[in-house]
Every structure is written in structure tokens, then in C-alpha cells.
C-alpha atoms as a PDB file:
ATOM      1  CA  MET A   1    -229.387  -4.423 -26.126  1.00  0.00           C
ATOM      2  CA  ARG A   2    -230.533  -6.927 -28.758  1.00  0.00           C
ATOM      3  CA  SER A   3    -229.511 -10.540 -28.808  1.00  0.00           C
ATOM      4  CA  ASN A   4    -227.544 -12.108 -31.630  1.00  0.00           C
ATOM      5  CA  GLY A   5    -230.649 -14.045 -32.704  1.00  0.00           C
ATOM      6  CA  THR A   6    -231.941 -11.065 -34.663  1.00  0.00           C
ATOM      7  CA  THR A   7    -228.852 -11.076 -36.893  1.00  0.00           C
ATOM      8  CA  PHE A   8    -229.278 -14.795 -37.531  1.00  0.00           C
ATOM      9  CA  THR A   9    -232.958 -14.453 -38.425  1.00  0.00           C
ATOM     10  CA  LYS A  10    -232.174 -11.528 -40.694  1.00  0.00           C
ATOM     11  CA  ARG A  11    -229.593 -13.628 -42.541  1.00  0.00           C
ATOM     12  CA  GLN A  12    -232.140 -16.429 -42.895  1.00  0.00           C
ATOM     13  CA  ARG A  13    -234.707 -14.019 -44.351  1.00  0.00           C
ATOM     14  CA  GLU A  14    -232.156 -12.554 -46.758  1.00  0.00           C
ATOM     15  CA  ARG A  15    -231.025 -16.024 -47.865  1.00  0.00           C
ATOM     16  CA  ALA A  16    -234.633 -17.108 -48.435  1.00  0.00           C
ATOM     17  CA  LYS A  17    -235.258 -13.922 -50.406  1.00  0.00           C
ATOM     18  CA  ARG A  18    -232.211 -14.558 -52.624  1.00  0.00           C
ATOM     19  CA  GLU A  19    -233.234 -18.183 -53.208  1.00  0.00           C
ATOM     20  CA  LYS A  20    -236.782 -17.188 -54.140  1.00  0.00           C
ATOM     21  CA  LYS A  21    -235.461 -14.520 -56.515  1.00  0.00           C
ATOM     22  CA  GLN A  22    -233.172 -17.080 -58.149  1.00  0.00           C
ATOM     23  CA  GLU A  23    -236.022 -19.622 -58.509  1.00  0.00           C
ATOM     24  CA  LYS A  24    -238.210 -16.979 -60.142  1.00  0.00           C
ATOM     25  CA  ALA A  25    -235.420 -16.111 -62.590  1.00  0.00           C
ATOM     26  CA  ILE A  26    -235.043 -19.787 -63.521  1.00  0.00           C
ATOM     27  CA  LYS A  27    -238.804 -20.146 -64.061  1.00  0.00           C
ATOM     28  CA  ARG A  28    -238.824 -16.988 -66.188  1.00  0.00           C
ATOM     29  CA  VAL A  29    -236.095 -18.422 -68.443  1.00  0.00           C
ATOM     30  CA  GLN A  30    -237.967 -21.735 -68.712  1.00  0.00           C
ATOM     31  CA  ARG A  31    -241.223 -20.007 -69.700  1.00  0.00           C
ATOM     32  CA  LYS A  32    -239.380 -17.960 -72.302  1.00  0.00           C
ATOM     33  CA  ALA A  33    -237.812 -21.125 -73.765  1.00  0.00           C
ATOM     34  CA  GLU A  34    -241.193 -22.919 -73.887  1.00  0.00           C
ATOM     35  CA  ARG A  35    -242.920 -20.062 -75.674  1.00  0.00           C
ATOM     36  CA  GLU A  36    -243.388 -20.550 -79.404  1.00  0.00           C
ATOM     37  CA  PRO A  37    -241.245 -18.193 -81.447  1.00  0.00           C
ATOM     38  CA  ARG A  38    -243.024 -15.715 -83.658  1.00  0.00           C
ATOM     39  CA  PRO A  39    -242.856 -16.448 -87.357  1.00  0.00           C
ATOM     40  CA  GLU A  40    -240.310 -14.191 -88.979  1.00  0.00           C
ATOM     41  CA  GLY A  41    -241.086 -11.953 -91.902  1.00  0.00           C
ATOM     42  CA  GLU A  42    -244.761 -11.506 -91.105  1.00  0.00           C
ATOM     43  CA  ASP A  43    -245.840  -7.960 -90.455  1.00  0.00           C
ATOM     44  CA  GLU A  44    -248.494  -7.852 -87.830  1.00  0.00           C
ATOM     45  CA  VAL A  45    -251.292  -5.619 -89.072  1.00  0.00           C
ATOM     46  CA  ASP A  46    -254.033  -4.476 -86.779  1.00  0.00           C
ATOM     47  CA  PRO A  47    -257.255  -5.781 -88.352  1.00  0.00           C
ATOM     48  CA  ASP A  48    -259.076  -2.602 -87.321  1.00  0.00           C
ATOM     49  CA  ILE A  49    -256.887  -0.438 -89.537  1.00  0.00           C
ATOM     50  CA  ALA A  50    -256.061  -2.921 -92.317  1.00  0.00           C
ATOM     51  CA  GLY A  51    -256.719  -1.401 -95.732  1.00  0.00           C
ATOM     52  CA  ILE A  52    -256.940   2.200 -94.570  1.00  0.00           C
ATOM     53  CA  VAL A  53    -254.959   4.580 -96.753  1.00  0.00           C
ATOM     54  CA  PRO A  54    -253.482   7.696 -95.161  1.00  0.00           C
ATOM     55  CA  GLY A  55    -254.934  10.980 -96.328  1.00  0.00           C
ATOM     56  CA  PRO A  56    -258.419  12.058 -97.302  1.00  0.00           C
ATOM     57  CA  GLN A  57    -260.877   9.189 -97.570  1.00  0.00           C
ATOM     58  CA  PRO A  58    -263.317   8.860-100.471  1.00  0.00           C
ATOM     59  CA  ILE A  59    -266.901   9.946 -99.807  1.00  0.00           C
ATOM     60  CA  PRO A  60    -269.226   6.936 -99.396  1.00  0.00           C
ATOM     61  CA  ASP A  61    -271.791   6.455-102.183  1.00  0.00           C
ATOM     62  CA  GLU A  62    -274.679   6.790 -99.683  1.00  0.00           C
ATOM     63  CA  MET A  63    -273.713  10.398 -99.038  1.00  0.00           C
ATOM     64  CA  LEU A  64    -273.612  11.328-102.742  1.00  0.00           C
ATOM     65  CA  VAL A  65    -277.300  12.056-103.242  1.00  0.00           C
ATOM     66  CA  ASP A  66    -278.056  14.401-106.155  1.00  0.00           C
END
């Protein structure tokens, strides 16, 4: 049969786990508060696709050799 010490150590581990989880949640909230807010109204456009129009693209002049 097991001694009562195992129950006590289990409670200690669980308490430490809860405390660590709570500390991490507090740090997460602090980091979120410190982060600079994004400017509103600006549409973020991927620079790789900026200016591309959907649909067929015009043929480049280099390919139009008569």
C-alpha cells in the first residue's frame, strides 16, 4: 500500500502547474498590451501581387516580334 506522501506530492505538482499556467496567462496579456496596435483603415497588400489585375494578362512587348 502507498503512503500518504504521494498524495501530498501530487497536490504540490498540481499547484505548481496551476501557478505556472496562471503566470504564463499574465505574461501573455502583458505582451499583448505592450504590442503596438495596427493602424486602422490600411489594407495590407502583399507586395508580390500588388498591381496584378485578375484575368488575362497583356502580352509583354518582347514577345510581340513581327
